[in-house]
Amino acid sequence: STFAMIGSVVLVSFLQGAFAADLLTFGASGNNVSCCKAAKSLFCTSVDINVDALGEPDIDLPFGITVEFSNKIPGDQLSYHYVNDNTDVVFTFNTITNSLYGHISTLDGRSFVIENCGQNGHIFKEIDMSKLYENIDVIDEATNTDLSSRRHGRSTYCGAARNVPNLITTKEQRGIMSPEECNKLCAKDLNCSFWSWKPGSTAQSTVCKFFKEGLKDHVIKTGGPASC
């Protein structure tokens, strides 16, 4: 019957949640570890890692977050992508250092990270996004001018035939361990208008790239900047 089918769906959903693997358990040290001293965290605690949970169909995380396995990151078999309707998660495990990095972002703007804190083990923390970009001033080093509130001047025609907008890579940095840090570094760089971050199983395979707007050739199109 219809009621029996509905009951079966509810039961299956309940069982899937009930059998989700726990990736983290709160550690005995609590927030009394050096990596939890940063002022830009809303919450931070030491955690113990259950590596066997990586690759499981469902994983439970703190704050009632349960995510489902989606895929492995292309080119890195030790990076795992998990999702739910409101959350996107990437876990990357380093077999050499036996360490885990994780980044959890939610649709409502919350951001969590799992990091290796050396001898103190791992930590799980929520980043205070309201403080992340405090005291970032963009300065033109040549003129010592603050460009943080730069405005375009009077608009003139700046089109060029056979040109279309294009993003140009201006810098590539390795060892940047979170997208928030990549974004912060981009905000300080005059040659960075956009950024991208790729996780990796080692610091050297984690890549933060900076981009700026430019133009590239096109057969028939005309394009240009808003002002020149």
C-alpha atoms as a PDB file:
ATOM      1  CA  SER A   1       0.000   0.000   0.000  1.00  0.00           C
ATOM      2  CA  THR A   2       0.986   3.669  -0.262  1.00  0.00           C
ATOM      3  CA  PHE A   3       1.396   3.949   3.517  1.00  0.00           C
ATOM      4  CA  ALA A   4       3.642   0.890   3.555  1.00  0.00           C
ATOM      5  CA  MET A   5       5.846   2.377   0.818  1.00  0.00           C
ATOM      6  CA  ILE A   6       6.111   5.686   2.678  1.00  0.00           C
ATOM      7  CA  GLY A   7       6.977   3.808   5.851  1.00  0.00           C
ATOM      8  CA  SER A   8       9.689   1.885   4.037  1.00  0.00           C
ATOM      9  CA  VAL A   9      11.252   5.081   2.642  1.00  0.00           C
ATOM     10  CA  VAL A  10      11.265   6.707   6.071  1.00  0.00           C
ATOM     11  CA  LEU A  11      12.803   3.576   7.620  1.00  0.00           C
ATOM     12  CA  VAL A  12      15.539   3.402   4.984  1.00  0.00           C
ATOM     13  CA  SER A  13      16.354   7.089   5.448  1.00  0.00           C
ATOM     14  CA  PHE A  14      16.475   6.621   9.213  1.00  0.00           C
ATOM     15  CA  LEU A  15      18.752   3.594   8.923  1.00  0.00           C
ATOM     16  CA  GLN A  16      21.101   5.424   6.550  1.00  0.00           C
ATOM     17  CA  GLY A  17      21.515   8.187   9.110  1.00  0.00           C
ATOM     18  CA  ALA A  18      21.778   5.715  11.973  1.00  0.00           C
ATOM     19  CA  PHE A  19      24.653   3.838  10.340  1.00  0.00           C
ATOM     20  CA  ALA A  20      26.660   6.887   9.242  1.00  0.00           C
ATOM     21  CA  ALA A  21      30.322   6.586  10.225  1.00  0.00           C
ATOM     22  CA  ASP A  22      31.779   8.986  12.806  1.00  0.00           C
ATOM     23  CA  LEU A  23      34.868  10.642  11.323  1.00  0.00           C
ATOM     24  CA  LEU A  24      35.658  12.712  14.426  1.00  0.00           C
ATOM     25  CA  THR A  25      35.386  12.338  18.181  1.00  0.00           C
ATOM     26  CA  PHE A  26      36.183  15.205  20.510  1.00  0.00           C
ATOM     27  CA  GLY A  27      39.626  14.803  22.097  1.00  0.00           C
ATOM     28  CA  ALA A  28      40.553  15.007  25.770  1.00  0.00           C
ATOM     29  CA  SER A  29      42.536  18.246  25.307  1.00  0.00           C
ATOM     30  CA  GLY A  30      39.469  20.274  24.311  1.00  0.00           C
ATOM     31  CA  ASN A  31      40.486  23.742  23.137  1.00  0.00           C
ATOM     32  CA  ASN A  32      43.669  23.720  25.212  1.00  0.00           C
ATOM     33  CA  VAL A  33      45.936  23.280  22.193  1.00  0.00           C
ATOM     34  CA  SER A  34      48.094  25.847  20.415  1.00  0.00           C
ATOM     35  CA  CYS A  35      46.173  25.665  17.135  1.00  0.00           C
ATOM     36  CA  CYS A  36      42.979  26.746  18.937  1.00  0.00           C
ATOM     37  CA  LYS A  37      44.454  30.046  20.122  1.00  0.00           C
ATOM     38  CA  ALA A  38      43.623  31.945  16.922  1.00  0.00           C
ATOM     39  CA  ALA A  39      41.202  34.801  17.517  1.00  0.00           C
ATOM     40  CA  LYS A  40      39.291  34.174  14.324  1.00  0.00           C
ATOM     41  CA  SER A  41      37.611  30.952  15.435  1.00  0.00           C
ATOM     42  CA  LEU A  42      34.066  30.684  16.769  1.00  0.00           C
ATOM     43  CA  PHE A  43      34.669  27.157  18.027  1.00  0.00           C
ATOM     44  CA  CYS A  44      37.756  24.981  18.265  1.00  0.00           C
ATOM     45  CA  THR A  45      38.564  21.662  19.893  1.00  0.00           C
ATOM     46  CA  SER A  46      41.008  18.800  19.594  1.00  0.00           C
ATOM     47  CA  VAL A  47      39.624  15.741  17.826  1.00  0.00           C
ATOM     48  CA  ASP A  48      40.554  12.128  17.221  1.00  0.00           C
ATOM     49  CA  ILE A  49      40.308  10.950  13.616  1.00  0.00           C
ATOM     50  CA  ASN A  50      38.687   7.735  12.415  1.00  0.00           C
ATOM     51  CA  VAL A  51      40.468   7.306   9.075  1.00  0.00           C
ATOM     52  CA  ASP A  52      38.452   4.162   8.288  1.00  0.00           C
ATOM     53  CA  ALA A  53      35.394   6.386   7.846  1.00  0.00           C
ATOM     54  CA  LEU A  54      36.850   7.956   4.683  1.00  0.00           C
ATOM     55  CA  GLY A  55      35.082   6.500   1.661  1.00  0.00           C
ATOM     56  CA  GLU A  56      32.069   5.326   3.679  1.00  0.00           C
ATOM     57  CA  PRO A  57      28.687   6.129   2.087  1.00  0.00           C
ATOM     58  CA  ASP A  58      27.678   8.476   4.935  1.00  0.00           C
ATOM     59  CA  ILE A  59      29.724  10.390   7.497  1.00  0.00           C
ATOM     60  CA  ASP A  60      28.575  12.147  10.659  1.00  0.00           C
ATOM     61  CA  LEU A  61      30.258  15.430  11.615  1.00  0.00           C
ATOM     62  CA  PRO A  62      29.803  17.732  14.623  1.00  0.00           C
ATOM     63  CA  PHE A  63      26.860  20.154  14.812  1.00  0.00           C
ATOM     64  CA  GLY A  64      24.480  17.525  13.453  1.00  0.00           C
ATOM     65  CA  ILE A  65      25.979  17.520   9.946  1.00  0.00           C
ATOM     66  CA  THR A  66      25.639  14.255   8.002  1.00  0.00           C
ATOM     67  CA  VAL A  67      27.051  14.093   4.476  1.00  0.00           C
ATOM     68  CA  GLU A  68      26.995  11.512   1.693  1.00  0.00           C
ATOM     69  CA  PHE A  69      29.930  10.388  -0.425  1.00  0.00           C
ATOM     70  CA  SER A  70      29.917  12.049  -3.848  1.00  0.00           C
ATOM     71  CA  ASN A  71      33.249  11.340  -5.548  1.00  0.00           C
ATOM     72  CA  LYS A  72      37.009  11.353  -5.221  1.00  0.00           C
ATOM     73  CA  ILE A  73      38.820  14.479  -6.359  1.00  0.00           C
ATOM     74  CA  PRO A  74      40.163  13.851  -9.893  1.00  0.00           C
ATOM     75  CA  GLY A  75      43.885  13.141  -9.832  1.00  0.00           C
ATOM     76  CA  ASP A  76      44.042  12.504  -6.084  1.00  0.00           C
ATOM     77  CA  GLN A  77      42.730   9.197  -4.775  1.00  0.00           C
ATOM     78  CA  LEU A  78      43.175  10.342  -1.175  1.00  0.00           C
ATOM     79  CA  SER A  79      40.820  13.316  -1.496  1.00  0.00           C
ATOM     80  CA  TYR A  80      37.127  12.675  -0.849  1.00  0.00           C
ATOM     81  CA  HIS A  81      34.159  14.857  -1.769  1.00  0.00           C
ATOM     82  CA  TYR A  82      31.022  14.611   0.409  1.00  0.00           C
ATOM     83  CA  VAL A  83      27.783  16.584   0.122  1.00  0.00           C
ATOM     84  CA  ASN A  84      24.258  17.077   1.345  1.00  0.00           C
ATOM     85  CA  ASP A  85      21.594  19.574   0.297  1.00  0.00           C
ATOM     86  CA  ASN A  86      23.191  22.342   2.364  1.00  0.00           C
ATOM     87  CA  THR A  87      26.837  21.325   2.775  1.00  0.00           C
ATOM     88  CA  ASP A  88      29.920  20.738   0.646  1.00  0.00           C
ATOM     89  CA  VAL A  89      32.925  18.916   2.138  1.00  0.00           C
ATOM     90  CA  VAL A  90      36.408  17.926   0.960  1.00  0.00           C
ATOM     91  CA  PHE A  91      38.641  15.626   3.028  1.00  0.00           C
ATOM     92  CA  THR A  92      42.269  14.989   2.095  1.00  0.00           C
ATOM     93  CA  PHE A  93      44.391  12.363   3.859  1.00  0.00           C
ATOM     94  CA  ASN A  94      48.193  12.314   3.880  1.00  0.00           C
ATOM     95  CA  THR A  95      49.484   8.769   4.400  1.00  0.00           C
ATOM     96  CA  ILE A  96      53.061   9.953   5.028  1.00  0.00           C
ATOM     97  CA  THR A  97      52.228  12.239   7.959  1.00  0.00           C
ATOM     98  CA  ASN A  98      49.044  10.350   8.887  1.00  0.00           C
ATOM     99  CA  SER A  99      47.199  13.658   8.865  1.00  0.00           C
ATOM    100  CA  LEU A 100      43.792  14.770   7.634  1.00  0.00           C
ATOM    101  CA  TYR A 101      42.719  18.108   6.220  1.00  0.00           C
ATOM    102  CA  GLY A 102      39.057  18.867   5.791  1.00  0.00           C
ATOM    103  CA  HIS A 103      37.020  21.870   4.707  1.00  0.00           C
ATOM    104  CA  ILE A 104      33.261  22.039   5.339  1.00  0.00           C
ATOM    105  CA  SER A 105      31.185  24.901   3.917  1.00  0.00           C
ATOM    106  CA  THR A 106      27.433  25.390   4.301  1.00  0.00           C
ATOM    107  CA  LEU A 107      24.914  27.331   2.244  1.00  0.00           C
ATOM    108  CA  ASP A 108      24.222  29.668   5.165  1.00  0.00           C
ATOM    109  CA  GLY A 109      27.854  30.841   5.107  1.00  0.00           C
ATOM    110  CA  ARG A 110      29.420  28.760   7.883  1.00  0.00           C
ATOM    111  CA  SER A 111      32.914  27.380   7.352  1.00  0.00           C
ATOM    112  CA  PHE A 112      34.674  24.617   9.305  1.00  0.00           C
ATOM    113  CA  VAL A 113      38.137  23.106   8.959  1.00  0.00           C
ATOM    114  CA  ILE A 114      39.908  19.992  10.192  1.00  0.00           C
ATOM    115  CA  GLU A 115      43.662  20.516  10.561  1.00  0.00           C
ATOM    116  CA  ASN A 116      46.705  18.639  11.770  1.00  0.00           C
ATOM    117  CA  CYS A 117      48.183  20.394  14.821  1.00  0.00           C
ATOM    118  CA  GLY A 118      51.428  18.412  14.969  1.00  0.00           C
ATOM    119  CA  GLN A 119      52.098  16.799  18.336  1.00  0.00           C
ATOM    120  CA  ASN A 120      48.672  17.967  19.529  1.00  0.00           C
ATOM    121  CA  GLY A 121      46.935  15.796  16.928  1.00  0.00           C
ATOM    122  CA  HIS A 122      44.043  17.230  14.938  1.00  0.00           C
ATOM    123  CA  ILE A 123      41.629  20.073  15.573  1.00  0.00           C
ATOM    124  CA  PHE A 124      38.125  20.882  14.359  1.00  0.00           C
ATOM    125  CA  LYS A 125      37.198  24.554  14.271  1.00  0.00           C
ATOM    126  CA  GLU A 126      34.584  26.931  12.930  1.00  0.00           C
ATOM    127  CA  ILE A 127      36.025  30.024  11.276  1.00  0.00           C
ATOM    128  CA  ASP A 128      34.590  33.405  12.262  1.00  0.00           C
ATOM    129  CA  MET A 129      33.884  34.678   8.764  1.00  0.00           C
ATOM    130  CA  SER A 130      33.040  38.175  10.071  1.00  0.00           C
ATOM    131  CA  LYS A 131      36.655  38.618  11.252  1.00  0.00           C
ATOM    132  CA  LEU A 132      38.467  36.845   8.449  1.00  0.00           C
ATOM    133  CA  TYR A 133      39.034  39.962   6.330  1.00  0.00           C
ATOM    134  CA  GLU A 134      39.490  42.510   9.088  1.00  0.00           C
ATOM    135  CA  ASN A 135      42.385  44.913   8.677  1.00  0.00           C
ATOM    136  CA  ILE A 136      43.036  44.019   5.042  1.00  0.00           C
ATOM    137  CA  ASP A 137      44.118  47.156   3.195  1.00  0.00           C
ATOM    138  CA  VAL A 138      44.885  47.085  -0.505  1.00  0.00           C
ATOM    139  CA  ILE A 139      47.747  49.508  -1.123  1.00  0.00           C
ATOM    140  CA  ASP A 140      49.312  50.622  -4.398  1.00  0.00           C
ATOM    141  CA  GLU A 141      52.964  50.265  -3.359  1.00  0.00           C
ATOM    142  CA  ALA A 142      54.159  52.659  -6.057  1.00  0.00           C
ATOM    143  CA  THR A 143      52.010  55.588  -4.874  1.00  0.00           C
ATOM    144  CA  ASN A 144      51.185  54.409  -1.315  1.00  0.00           C
ATOM    145  CA  THR A 145      47.524  54.947  -2.167  1.00  0.00           C
ATOM    146  CA  ASP A 146      44.731  53.005  -0.480  1.00  0.00           C
ATOM    147  CA  LEU A 147      42.793  51.259  -3.248  1.00  0.00           C
ATOM    148  CA  SER A 148      40.284  49.464  -1.002  1.00  0.00           C
ATOM    149  CA  SER A 149      37.461  51.794  -2.058  1.00  0.00           C
ATOM    150  CA  ARG A 150      38.741  52.503  -5.577  1.00  0.00           C
ATOM    151  CA  ARG A 151      36.085  53.754  -7.999  1.00  0.00           C
ATOM    152  CA  HIS A 152      36.085  53.869 -11.784  1.00  0.00           C
ATOM    153  CA  GLY A 153      36.523  57.280 -13.304  1.00  0.00           C
ATOM    154  CA  ARG A 154      34.336  58.732 -16.044  1.00  0.00           C
ATOM    155  CA  SER A 155      33.425  56.075 -18.549  1.00  0.00           C
ATOM    156  CA  THR A 156      34.875  56.333 -22.071  1.00  0.00           C
ATOM    157  CA  TYR A 157      34.726  53.873 -24.935  1.00  0.00           C
ATOM    158  CA  CYS A 158      37.405  51.223 -24.343  1.00  0.00           C
ATOM    159  CA  GLY A 159      36.491  48.573 -26.917  1.00  0.00           C
ATOM    160  CA  ALA A 160      38.996  46.752 -29.080  1.00  0.00           C
ATOM    161  CA  ALA A 161      38.155  44.682 -32.140  1.00  0.00           C
ATOM    162  CA  ARG A 162      38.890  40.953 -32.080  1.00  0.00           C
ATOM    163  CA  ASN A 163      39.101  40.875 -28.283  1.00  0.00           C
ATOM    164  CA  VAL A 164      37.057  39.170 -25.541  1.00  0.00           C
ATOM    165  CA  PRO A 165      37.481  39.102 -21.743  1.00  0.00           C
ATOM    166  CA  ASN A 166      39.764  36.423 -20.335  1.00  0.00           C
ATOM    167  CA  LEU A 167      41.124  35.427 -16.919  1.00  0.00           C
ATOM    168  CA  ILE A 168      44.920  35.413 -16.715  1.00  0.00           C
ATOM    169  CA  THR A 169      46.812  33.455 -14.055  1.00  0.00           C
ATOM    170  CA  THR A 170      49.075  35.868 -12.131  1.00  0.00           C
ATOM    171  CA  LYS A 171      50.375  33.658  -9.325  1.00  0.00           C
ATOM    172  CA  GLU A 172      50.342  30.069  -8.104  1.00  0.00           C
ATOM    173  CA  GLN A 173      51.120  29.207  -4.475  1.00  0.00           C
ATOM    174  CA  ARG A 174      51.401  25.793  -2.842  1.00  0.00           C
ATOM    175  CA  GLY A 175      50.947  24.934   0.798  1.00  0.00           C
ATOM    176  CA  ILE A 176      47.903  27.208   1.278  1.00  0.00           C
ATOM    177  CA  MET A 177      45.733  24.881   3.332  1.00  0.00           C
ATOM    178  CA  SER A 178      42.262  26.434   3.075  1.00  0.00           C
ATOM    179  CA  PRO A 179      40.152  28.362   0.529  1.00  0.00           C
ATOM    180  CA  GLU A 180      39.669  31.102   3.141  1.00  0.00           C
ATOM    181  CA  GLU A 181      43.424  31.683   3.332  1.00  0.00           C
ATOM    182  CA  CYS A 182      43.680  31.686  -0.480  1.00  0.00           C
ATOM    183  CA  ASN A 183      40.876  34.274  -0.656  1.00  0.00           C
ATOM    184  CA  LYS A 184      42.578  36.402   2.023  1.00  0.00           C
ATOM    185  CA  LEU A 185      45.901  36.396   0.159  1.00  0.00           C
ATOM    186  CA  CYS A 186      44.158  37.312  -3.095  1.00  0.00           C
ATOM    187  CA  ALA A 187      42.459  40.273  -1.386  1.00  0.00           C
ATOM    188  CA  LYS A 188      45.902  41.656  -0.458  1.00  0.00           C
ATOM    189  CA  ASP A 189      47.361  41.301  -3.966  1.00  0.00           C
ATOM    190  CA  LEU A 190      46.811  44.094  -6.492  1.00  0.00           C
ATOM    191  CA  ASN A 191      47.176  41.620  -9.359  1.00  0.00           C
ATOM    192  CA  CYS A 192      44.452  39.294  -8.033  1.00  0.00           C
ATOM    193  CA  SER A 193      40.813  39.795  -8.992  1.00  0.00           C
ATOM    194  CA  PHE A 194      39.760  36.141  -8.693  1.00  0.00           C
ATOM    195  CA  TRP A 195      41.206  33.042  -7.013  1.00  0.00           C
ATOM    196  CA  SER A 196      40.865  29.278  -7.035  1.00  0.00           C
ATOM    197  CA  TRP A 197      41.911  26.657  -4.498  1.00  0.00           C
ATOM    198  CA  LYS A 198      42.541  22.946  -5.045  1.00  0.00           C
ATOM    199  CA  PRO A 199      43.008  20.549  -2.118  1.00  0.00           C
ATOM    200  CA  GLY A 200      45.724  17.926  -2.148  1.00  0.00           C
ATOM    201  CA  SER A 201      46.974  15.017  -0.079  1.00  0.00           C
ATOM    202  CA  THR A 202      50.200  16.946   0.707  1.00  0.00           C
ATOM    203  CA  ALA A 203      50.971  20.622   1.250  1.00  0.00           C
ATOM    204  CA  GLN A 204      52.805  20.745  -2.078  1.00  0.00           C
ATOM    205  CA  SER A 205      49.829  19.354  -3.976  1.00  0.00           C
ATOM    206  CA  THR A 206      47.476  21.970  -2.474  1.00  0.00           C
ATOM    207  CA  VAL A 207      47.295  24.868  -4.958  1.00  0.00           C
ATOM    208  CA  CYS A 208      46.046  28.444  -4.624  1.00  0.00           C
ATOM    209  CA  LYS A 209      45.912  30.412  -7.885  1.00  0.00           C
ATOM    210  CA  PHE A 210      45.401  34.143  -8.468  1.00  0.00           C
ATOM    211  CA  PHE A 211      43.784  35.567 -11.598  1.00  0.00           C
ATOM    212  CA  LYS A 212      43.191  38.983 -13.115  1.00  0.00           C
ATOM    213  CA  GLU A 213      41.038  40.111 -15.981  1.00  0.00           C
ATOM    214  CA  GLY A 214      42.573  40.403 -19.419  1.00  0.00           C
ATOM    215  CA  LEU A 215      41.698  40.114 -23.091  1.00  0.00           C
ATOM    216  CA  LYS A 216      42.265  37.391 -25.641  1.00  0.00           C
ATOM    217  CA  ASP A 217      41.906  37.242 -29.401  1.00  0.00           C
ATOM    218  CA  HIS A 218      38.579  36.403 -31.008  1.00  0.00           C
ATOM    219  CA  VAL A 219      37.678  36.185 -34.687  1.00  0.00           C
ATOM    220  CA  ILE A 220      34.660  38.509 -34.727  1.00  0.00           C
ATOM    221  CA  LYS A 221      33.949  39.819 -31.213  1.00  0.00           C
ATOM    222  CA  THR A 222      34.828  43.230 -29.797  1.00  0.00           C
ATOM    223  CA  GLY A 223      35.420  43.737 -26.086  1.00  0.00           C
ATOM    224  CA  GLY A 224      37.191  45.740 -23.430  1.00  0.00           C
ATOM    225  CA  PRO A 225      37.200  46.934 -19.814  1.00  0.00           C
ATOM    226  CA  ALA A 226      34.502  49.114 -18.267  1.00  0.00           C
ATOM    227  CA  SER A 227      36.878  52.076 -18.143  1.00  0.00           C
ATOM    228  CA  CYS A 228      40.362  52.825 -19.389  1.00  0.00           C
END
